Amino acid sequence: HLLSPNGVLLAMKGQIPEAELAEMNTHTTLIKINVPEVEAERCLVRLSPKLG
């Protein structure tokens, strides 16, 4: 219960965590990002409560 009904949580992750996200009961949006001077893959995960 970390979020209000209209809240969002942002998390920076490495490779896209598909298995991890499949287990969550939230709405997710993935955004690939480039971090200066970092060669590794990074993404931003936007999490929000499922409504309804």
PDB file of N, CA and C in Angstrom:
ATOM      1  N   HIS A   1       0.836  -1.187   0.000  1.00  0.00           N
ATOM      2  CA  HIS A   1       0.000   0.000   0.000  1.00  0.00           C
ATOM      3  C   HIS A   1       0.877   1.246   0.000  1.00  0.00           C
ATOM      4  N   LEU A   2       1.778   1.298  -0.940  1.00  0.00           N
ATOM      5  CA  LEU A   2       2.696   2.429  -1.003  1.00  0.00           C
ATOM      6  C   LEU A   2       2.138   3.608  -1.780  1.00  0.00           C
ATOM      7  N   LEU A   3       1.146   3.369  -2.635  1.00  0.00           N
ATOM      8  CA  LEU A   3       0.668   4.424  -3.516  1.00  0.00           C
ATOM      9  C   LEU A   3      -0.782   4.787  -3.242  1.00  0.00           C
ATOM     10  N   SER A   4      -1.084   6.066  -3.426  1.00  0.00           N
ATOM     11  CA  SER A   4      -2.481   6.478  -3.418  1.00  0.00           C
ATOM     12  C   SER A   4      -3.101   6.007  -4.733  1.00  0.00           C
ATOM     13  N   PRO A   5      -4.411   6.013  -4.869  1.00  0.00           N
ATOM     14  CA  PRO A   5      -5.042   5.538  -6.108  1.00  0.00           C
ATOM     15  C   PRO A   5      -4.539   6.242  -7.369  1.00  0.00           C
ATOM     16  N   ASN A   6      -4.100   7.498  -7.248  1.00  0.00           N
ATOM     17  CA  ASN A   6      -3.602   8.244  -8.408  1.00  0.00           C
ATOM     18  C   ASN A   6      -2.086   8.379  -8.412  1.00  0.00           C
ATOM     19  N   GLY A   7      -1.401   7.690  -7.509  1.00  0.00           N
ATOM     20  CA  GLY A   7       0.047   7.819  -7.384  1.00  0.00           C
ATOM     21  C   GLY A   7       0.810   6.995  -8.406  1.00  0.00           C
ATOM     22  N   VAL A   8       2.078   7.339  -8.591  1.00  0.00           N
ATOM     23  CA  VAL A   8       2.982   6.570  -9.452  1.00  0.00           C
ATOM     24  C   VAL A   8       4.306   6.383  -8.724  1.00  0.00           C
ATOM     25  N   LEU A   9       4.970   5.302  -9.050  1.00  0.00           N
ATOM     26  CA  LEU A   9       6.288   5.003  -8.502  1.00  0.00           C
ATOM     27  C   LEU A   9       7.211   4.785  -9.687  1.00  0.00           C
ATOM     28  N   LEU A  10       8.374   5.428  -9.683  1.00  0.00           N
ATOM     29  CA  LEU A  10       9.356   5.274 -10.748  1.00  0.00           C
ATOM     30  C   LEU A  10      10.554   4.512 -10.208  1.00  0.00           C
ATOM     31  N   ALA A  11      11.026   3.548 -10.989  1.00  0.00           N
ATOM     32  CA  ALA A  11      12.185   2.751 -10.586  1.00  0.00           C
ATOM     33  C   ALA A  11      13.124   2.605 -11.770  1.00  0.00           C
ATOM     34  N   MET A  12      14.424   2.864 -11.563  1.00  0.00           N
ATOM     35  CA  MET A  12      15.394   2.630 -12.619  1.00  0.00           C
ATOM     36  C   MET A  12      15.909   1.204 -12.463  1.00  0.00           C
ATOM     37  N   LYS A  13      15.874   0.464 -13.564  1.00  0.00           N
ATOM     38  CA  LYS A  13      16.290  -0.933 -13.564  1.00  0.00           C
ATOM     39  C   LYS A  13      17.345  -1.123 -14.644  1.00  0.00           C
ATOM     40  N   GLY A  14      17.982  -2.267 -14.602  1.00  0.00           N
ATOM     41  CA  GLY A  14      18.939  -2.639 -15.641  1.00  0.00           C
ATOM     42  C   GLY A  14      18.168  -3.150 -16.848  1.00  0.00           C
ATOM     43  N   GLN A  15      18.417  -4.380 -17.225  1.00  0.00           N
ATOM     44  CA  GLN A  15      17.676  -4.969 -18.333  1.00  0.00           C
ATOM     45  C   GLN A  15      16.199  -5.034 -17.969  1.00  0.00           C
ATOM     46  N   ILE A  16      15.351  -5.040 -18.976  1.00  0.00           N
ATOM     47  CA  ILE A  16      13.912  -5.056 -18.734  1.00  0.00           C
ATOM     48  C   ILE A  16      13.544  -6.291 -17.911  1.00  0.00           C
ATOM     49  N   PRO A  17      12.983  -6.089 -16.716  1.00  0.00           N
ATOM     50  CA  PRO A  17      12.690  -7.198 -15.794  1.00  0.00           C
ATOM     51  C   PRO A  17      11.328  -7.832 -16.068  1.00  0.00           C
ATOM     52  N   GLU A  18      11.173  -8.472 -17.223  1.00  0.00           N
ATOM     53  CA  GLU A  18       9.868  -8.984 -17.641  1.00  0.00           C
ATOM     54  C   GLU A  18       9.265  -9.963 -16.637  1.00  0.00           C
ATOM     55  N   ALA A  19      10.041 -10.909 -16.134  1.00  0.00           N
ATOM     56  CA  ALA A  19       9.509 -11.891 -15.179  1.00  0.00           C
ATOM     57  C   ALA A  19       9.081 -11.207 -13.879  1.00  0.00           C
ATOM     58  N   GLU A  20       9.879 -10.272 -13.421  1.00  0.00           N
ATOM     59  CA  GLU A  20       9.562  -9.540 -12.186  1.00  0.00           C
ATOM     60  C   GLU A  20       8.272  -8.740 -12.349  1.00  0.00           C
ATOM     61  N   LEU A  21       8.122  -8.072 -13.490  1.00  0.00           N
ATOM     62  CA  LEU A  21       6.938  -7.256 -13.723  1.00  0.00           C
ATOM     63  C   LEU A  21       5.683  -8.103 -13.877  1.00  0.00           C
ATOM     64  N   ALA A  22       5.813  -9.301 -14.424  1.00  0.00           N
ATOM     65  CA  ALA A  22       4.662 -10.185 -14.608  1.00  0.00           C
ATOM     66  C   ALA A  22       4.054 -10.596 -13.269  1.00  0.00           C
ATOM     67  N   GLU A  23       4.846 -10.614 -12.210  1.00  0.00           N
ATOM     68  CA  GLU A  23       4.368 -11.012 -10.889  1.00  0.00           C
ATOM     69  C   GLU A  23       3.687  -9.874 -10.128  1.00  0.00           C
ATOM     70  N   MET A  24       3.835  -8.652 -10.591  1.00  0.00           N
ATOM     71  CA  MET A  24       3.292  -7.502  -9.869  1.00  0.00           C
ATOM     72  C   MET A  24       1.837  -7.264 -10.245  1.00  0.00           C
ATOM     73  N   ASN A  25       1.070  -6.796  -9.281  1.00  0.00           N
ATOM     74  CA  ASN A  25      -0.335  -6.481  -9.517  1.00  0.00           C
ATOM     75  C   ASN A  25      -0.486  -4.970  -9.718  1.00  0.00           C
ATOM     76  N   THR A  26       0.254  -4.438 -10.685  1.00  0.00           N
ATOM     77  CA  THR A  26       0.219  -3.008 -10.975  1.00  0.00           C
ATOM     78  C   THR A  26       0.215  -2.801 -12.478  1.00  0.00           C
ATOM     79  N   HIS A  27      -0.156  -1.594 -12.888  1.00  0.00           N
ATOM     80  CA  HIS A  27      -0.030  -1.203 -14.290  1.00  0.00           C
ATOM     81  C   HIS A  27       1.403  -0.709 -14.477  1.00  0.00           C
ATOM     82  N   THR A  28       2.087  -1.189 -15.507  1.00  0.00           N
ATOM     83  CA  THR A  28       3.480  -0.794 -15.722  1.00  0.00           C
ATOM     84  C   THR A  28       3.677  -0.186 -17.100  1.00  0.00           C
ATOM     85  N   THR A  29       4.579   0.770 -17.169  1.00  0.00           N
ATOM     86  CA  THR A  29       5.029   1.355 -18.422  1.00  0.00           C
ATOM     87  C   THR A  29       6.548   1.309 -18.406  1.00  0.00           C
ATOM     88  N   LEU A  30       7.145   0.787 -19.466  1.00  0.00           N
ATOM     89  CA  LEU A  30       8.601   0.697 -19.570  1.00  0.00           C
ATOM     90  C   LEU A  30       9.118   1.770 -20.515  1.00  0.00           C
ATOM     91  N   ILE A  31      10.184   2.436 -20.102  1.00  0.00           N
ATOM     92  CA  ILE A  31      10.806   3.477 -20.906  1.00  0.00           C
ATOM     93  C   ILE A  31      12.295   3.178 -20.958  1.00  0.00           C
ATOM     94  N   LYS A  32      12.811   2.882 -22.149  1.00  0.00           N
ATOM     95  CA  LYS A  32      14.254   2.664 -22.282  1.00  0.00           C
ATOM     96  C   LYS A  32      14.953   4.010 -22.176  1.00  0.00           C
ATOM     97  N   ILE A  33      16.050   4.040 -21.408  1.00  0.00           N
ATOM     98  CA  ILE A  33      16.785   5.288 -21.223  1.00  0.00           C
ATOM     99  C   ILE A  33      18.270   5.061 -21.480  1.00  0.00           C
ATOM    100  N   ASN A  34      18.951   6.143 -21.822  1.00  0.00           N
ATOM    101  CA  ASN A  34      20.400   6.131 -21.986  1.00  0.00           C
ATOM    102  C   ASN A  34      21.004   6.961 -20.861  1.00  0.00           C
ATOM    103  N   VAL A  35      21.895   6.359 -20.106  1.00  0.00           N
ATOM    104  CA  VAL A  35      22.577   7.054 -19.017  1.00  0.00           C
ATOM    105  C   VAL A  35      23.969   7.417 -19.524  1.00  0.00           C
ATOM    106  N   PRO A  36      24.333   8.704 -19.505  1.00  0.00           N
ATOM    107  CA  PRO A  36      25.648   9.103 -19.994  1.00  0.00           C
ATOM    108  C   PRO A  36      26.771   8.332 -19.298  1.00  0.00           C
ATOM    109  N   GLU A  37      27.736   7.906 -20.089  1.00  0.00           N
ATOM    110  CA  GLU A  37      28.932   7.202 -19.626  1.00  0.00           C
ATOM    111  C   GLU A  37      28.645   5.828 -19.016  1.00  0.00           C
ATOM    112  N   VAL A  38      27.464   5.269 -19.284  1.00  0.00           N
ATOM    113  CA  VAL A  38      27.116   3.923 -18.822  1.00  0.00           C
ATOM    114  C   VAL A  38      26.786   3.089 -20.052  1.00  0.00           C
ATOM    115  N   GLU A  39      27.516   2.015 -20.245  1.00  0.00           N
ATOM    116  CA  GLU A  39      27.317   1.150 -21.411  1.00  0.00           C
ATOM    117  C   GLU A  39      26.153   0.175 -21.230  1.00  0.00           C
ATOM    118  N   ALA A  40      25.808  -0.139 -20.000  1.00  0.00           N
ATOM    119  CA  ALA A  40      24.788  -1.154 -19.723  1.00  0.00           C
ATOM    120  C   ALA A  40      23.389  -0.670 -20.096  1.00  0.00           C
ATOM    121  N   GLU A  41      22.513  -1.629 -20.352  1.00  0.00           N
ATOM    122  CA  GLU A  41      21.123  -1.330 -20.663  1.00  0.00           C
ATOM    123  C   GLU A  41      20.410  -0.835 -19.405  1.00  0.00           C
ATOM    124  N   ARG A  42      19.602   0.193 -19.554  1.00  0.00           N
ATOM    125  CA  ARG A  42      18.836   0.747 -18.440  1.00  0.00           C
ATOM    126  C   ARG A  42      17.414   1.038 -18.911  1.00  0.00           C
ATOM    127  N   CYS A  43      16.472   0.925 -17.985  1.00  0.00           N
ATOM    128  CA  CYS A  43      15.102   1.315 -18.289  1.00  0.00           C
ATOM    129  C   CYS A  43      14.477   1.931 -17.046  1.00  0.00           C
ATOM    130  N   LEU A  44      13.478   2.741 -17.287  1.00  0.00           N
ATOM    131  CA  LEU A  44      12.700   3.346 -16.222  1.00  0.00           C
ATOM    132  C   LEU A  44      11.359   2.627 -16.210  1.00  0.00           C
ATOM    133  N   VAL A  45      10.941   2.168 -15.041  1.00  0.00           N
ATOM    134  CA  VAL A  45       9.667   1.470 -14.902  1.00  0.00           C
ATOM    135  C   VAL A  45       8.723   2.390 -14.146  1.00  0.00           C
ATOM    136  N   ARG A  46       7.589   2.682 -14.772  1.00  0.00           N
ATOM    137  CA  ARG A  46       6.555   3.511 -14.137  1.00  0.00           C
ATOM    138  C   ARG A  46       5.474   2.568 -13.640  1.00  0.00           C
ATOM    139  N   LEU A  47       5.227   2.557 -12.340  1.00  0.00           N
ATOM    140  CA  LEU A  47       4.240   1.673 -11.723  1.00  0.00           C
ATOM    141  C   LEU A  47       3.083   2.505 -11.187  1.00  0.00           C
ATOM    142  N   SER A  48       1.872   2.053 -11.452  1.00  0.00           N
ATOM    143  CA  SER A  48       0.690   2.706 -10.900  1.00  0.00           C
ATOM    144  C   SER A  48      -0.340   1.638 -10.559  1.00  0.00           C
ATOM    145  N   PRO A  49      -1.203   1.926  -9.587  1.00  0.00           N
ATOM    146  CA  PRO A  49      -2.195   0.928  -9.186  1.00  0.00           C
ATOM    147  C   PRO A  49      -3.146   0.598 -10.331  1.00  0.00           C
ATOM    148  N   LYS A  50      -3.576  -0.666 -10.392  1.00  0.00           N
ATOM    149  CA  LYS A  50      -4.619  -1.052 -11.341  1.00  0.00           C
ATOM    150  C   LYS A  50      -5.939  -0.549 -10.789  1.00  0.00           C
ATOM    151  N   LEU A  51      -6.688   0.125 -11.612  1.00  0.00           N
ATOM    152  CA  LEU A  51      -7.977   0.654 -11.171  1.00  0.00           C
ATOM    153  C   LEU A  51      -9.080  -0.327 -11.520  1.00  0.00           C
ATOM    154  N   GLY A  52     -10.055  -0.416 -10.646  1.00  0.00           N
ATOM    155  CA  GLY A  52     -11.210  -1.264 -10.948  1.00  0.00           C
ATOM    156  C   GLY A  52     -11.288  -2.479 -10.217  1.00  0.00           C
TER     157      GLY A  52
END
